[in-house]
N, C-alpha and C. Protein backbone atom coordinates (compact mmCIF):
# COMPACT_ATOMS: atom_id res chain seq x y z
N MET A 1 17.59 34.50 40.78
CA MET A 1 17.48 35.47 41.80
C MET A 1 18.49 36.25 43.05
N ASP A 2 17.71 37.52 42.56
CA ASP A 2 18.66 37.82 44.10
C ASP A 2 18.54 38.02 44.85
N LYS A 3 20.58 38.11 45.35
CA LYS A 3 21.04 38.24 46.41
C LYS A 3 19.83 38.86 47.72
N LEU A 4 19.46 38.73 48.81
CA LEU A 4 19.00 39.70 49.66
C LEU A 4 20.09 40.21 50.57
N MET A 5 20.59 41.51 50.63
CA MET A 5 21.68 42.07 51.55
C MET A 5 20.62 42.96 51.59
N LEU A 6 20.54 43.24 53.27
CA LEU A 6 19.51 44.12 54.59
C LEU A 6 21.23 45.01 54.47
N ILE A 7 20.77 46.30 54.47
CA ILE A 7 21.89 47.41 54.83
C ILE A 7 20.91 48.61 55.40
N GLY A 8 22.13 47.86 57.32
CA GLY A 8 21.16 48.96 58.42
C GLY A 8 22.02 49.81 58.79
N ASP A 9 22.03 50.38 60.09
CA ASP A 9 22.58 51.40 60.82
C ASP A 9 22.79 50.31 62.26
N GLY A 10 24.49 50.90 62.41
CA GLY A 10 24.97 50.50 63.29
C GLY A 10 24.24 51.11 64.48
N ASP A 11 24.13 51.98 65.05
CA ASP A 11 23.44 52.54 65.49
C ASP A 11 22.19 52.24 66.11
N ALA A 12 21.31 52.12 65.10
CA ALA A 12 19.94 51.42 65.58
C ALA A 12 19.84 49.58 65.79
N ARG A 13 21.46 49.30 65.27
CA ARG A 13 20.53 47.77 65.95
C ARG A 13 21.80 48.47 66.62
N VAL A 14 21.57 48.20 67.88
CA VAL A 14 22.47 48.72 69.53
C VAL A 14 21.17 48.02 69.88
N GLY A 15 20.51 49.26 69.57
CA GLY A 15 19.22 50.17 70.27
C GLY A 15 18.27 48.89 70.36
N MET A 16 17.66 48.90 68.94
CA MET A 16 17.04 46.89 68.59
C MET A 16 17.67 46.35 69.94
N GLU A 17 18.51 45.74 70.14
CA GLU A 17 18.71 44.90 70.47
C GLU A 17 18.72 44.79 72.85
N LYS A 18 18.97 46.24 72.58
CA LYS A 18 19.05 46.19 73.21
C LYS A 18 17.21 46.35 74.08
N TYR A 19 15.98 46.64 73.51
CA TYR A 19 14.91 47.15 73.44
C TYR A 19 14.86 45.53 74.04
N MET A 20 15.22 44.40 72.55
CA MET A 20 14.86 43.08 72.66
C MET A 20 15.75 42.28 74.10
N LYS A 21 17.01 42.86 74.68
CA LYS A 21 17.33 42.51 76.21
C LYS A 21 18.16 41.59 75.31
N ASN A 22 18.42 41.98 74.12
CA ASN A 22 19.51 40.89 73.74
C ASN A 22 19.47 39.68 73.04
N HIS A 23 17.69 39.66 73.51
CA HIS A 23 17.84 38.07 72.65
C HIS A 23 17.91 37.91 71.63
N PHE A 24 18.25 38.69 70.65
CA PHE A 24 17.98 38.69 69.22
C PHE A 24 19.28 39.21 67.99
N PRO A 25 20.44 39.21 67.85
CA PRO A 25 20.76 40.10 66.66
C PRO A 25 20.02 40.60 66.06
N PHE A 26 20.12 41.56 66.08
CA PHE A 26 19.75 42.79 64.25
C PHE A 26 21.09 43.89 64.16
N VAL A 27 20.46 43.45 62.27
CA VAL A 27 20.52 44.56 61.03
C VAL A 27 20.43 46.27 61.69
N GLY A 28 19.95 46.13 61.87
CA GLY A 28 19.47 48.00 62.10
C GLY A 28 18.64 48.84 61.39
N VAL A 29 17.84 47.35 60.69
CA VAL A 29 16.68 47.89 59.19
C VAL A 29 15.65 48.19 60.32
N PRO A 30 15.23 49.02 60.03
CA PRO A 30 13.39 49.57 60.28
C PRO A 30 12.61 49.25 59.87
N LYS A 31 11.12 48.47 59.70
CA LYS A 31 10.31 47.68 59.21
C LYS A 31 9.81 48.81 58.04
N PRO A 32 10.12 49.44 57.97
CA PRO A 32 8.70 50.25 56.69
C PRO A 32 10.35 50.23 56.25
N GLU A 33 12.18 50.72 55.96
CA GLU A 33 12.63 50.05 54.99
C GLU A 33 13.21 48.71 54.63
N ARG A 34 12.84 47.76 55.58
CA ARG A 34 13.54 46.97 55.88
C ARG A 34 12.18 46.27 53.80
N THR A 35 11.16 46.37 54.79
CA THR A 35 10.18 46.10 53.73
C THR A 35 10.49 46.64 52.43
N LYS A 36 11.87 48.39 52.26
CA LYS A 36 11.04 48.33 50.72
C LYS A 36 12.41 47.40 50.50
N GLN A 37 13.50 47.39 51.39
CA GLN A 37 15.00 46.27 50.97
C GLN A 37 14.38 44.70 50.34
N THR A 38 13.36 43.94 50.84
CA THR A 38 12.76 43.01 50.98
C THR A 38 11.80 42.54 49.02
N LYS A 39 11.10 43.69 48.81
CA LYS A 39 10.27 43.50 48.77
C LYS A 39 10.42 42.95 46.88
N ALA A 40 11.76 43.45 46.16
CA ALA A 40 11.63 42.63 44.76
C ALA A 40 12.02 40.86 45.26
N VAL A 41 12.78 40.41 46.06
CA VAL A 41 12.85 39.23 46.27
C VAL A 41 11.87 38.56 47.42
N ILE A 42 11.20 39.09 48.02
CA ILE A 42 10.21 38.41 48.42
C ILE A 42 9.45 38.06 47.12
N LYS A 43 9.16 39.33 45.94
CA LYS A 43 7.73 39.12 44.40
C LYS A 43 8.83 37.78 43.14
N GLN A 44 9.97 37.62 43.48
CA GLN A 44 10.54 36.34 42.76
C GLN A 44 10.83 35.49 43.69
N SER A 45 10.63 35.38 43.98
CA SER A 45 10.46 33.59 45.76
C SER A 45 9.23 33.41 46.07
N LYS A 46 8.27 33.25 44.84
CA LYS A 46 6.77 33.25 44.58
C LYS A 46 7.30 31.73 43.34
N HIS A 47 8.08 33.00 42.95
CA HIS A 47 8.07 32.08 41.40
C HIS A 47 9.02 30.82 41.98
N VAL A 48 9.58 30.74 42.62
CA VAL A 48 11.06 29.32 42.96
C VAL A 48 10.49 28.57 43.58
N GLU A 49 11.03 27.13 42.79
CA GLU A 49 10.28 26.34 44.26
C GLU A 49 10.66 26.27 45.85
N THR A 50 10.25 25.92 46.44
CA THR A 50 10.68 25.84 47.63
C THR A 50 12.02 24.70 47.85
N VAL A 51 12.81 23.90 47.26
CA VAL A 51 13.37 23.23 47.26
C VAL A 51 14.31 24.29 46.76
N VAL A 52 14.01 25.11 45.80
CA VAL A 52 15.49 25.56 45.31
C VAL A 52 15.53 26.73 46.07
N LEU A 53 14.65 27.50 47.12
CA LEU A 53 14.63 28.57 47.84
C LEU A 53 14.76 27.88 49.17
N MET A 54 15.18 27.25 50.08
CA MET A 54 16.17 26.55 51.07
C MET A 54 16.75 26.84 50.94
N SER A 55 17.24 26.06 49.92
CA SER A 55 18.70 25.90 49.59
C SER A 55 19.80 26.80 49.49
N ARG A 56 18.65 27.94 49.40
CA ARG A 56 20.13 29.21 49.13
C ARG A 56 20.12 30.37 50.30
N VAL A 57 18.76 29.37 51.25
CA VAL A 57 18.63 30.01 52.52
C VAL A 57 19.99 29.66 54.14
N ASN A 58 20.91 30.68 54.43
CA ASN A 58 21.39 30.97 54.99
C ASN A 58 22.74 30.65 54.17
N LYS A 59 23.02 31.42 52.77
CA LYS A 59 24.26 30.91 52.37
C LYS A 59 25.57 32.50 52.20
């Protein structure tokens, strides 16, 4: 399965964090672009066992 690396915009990140009152960290990827970037990985993940997926989270 491919590794997911979101490519964001630092300026957008700052604005997104301010909008959410700095409660959450952001990468700076708007929803339409995030969907494009994650589509292949999500499709692949449907064919992988949950245990394997969870072992790869946050690595």
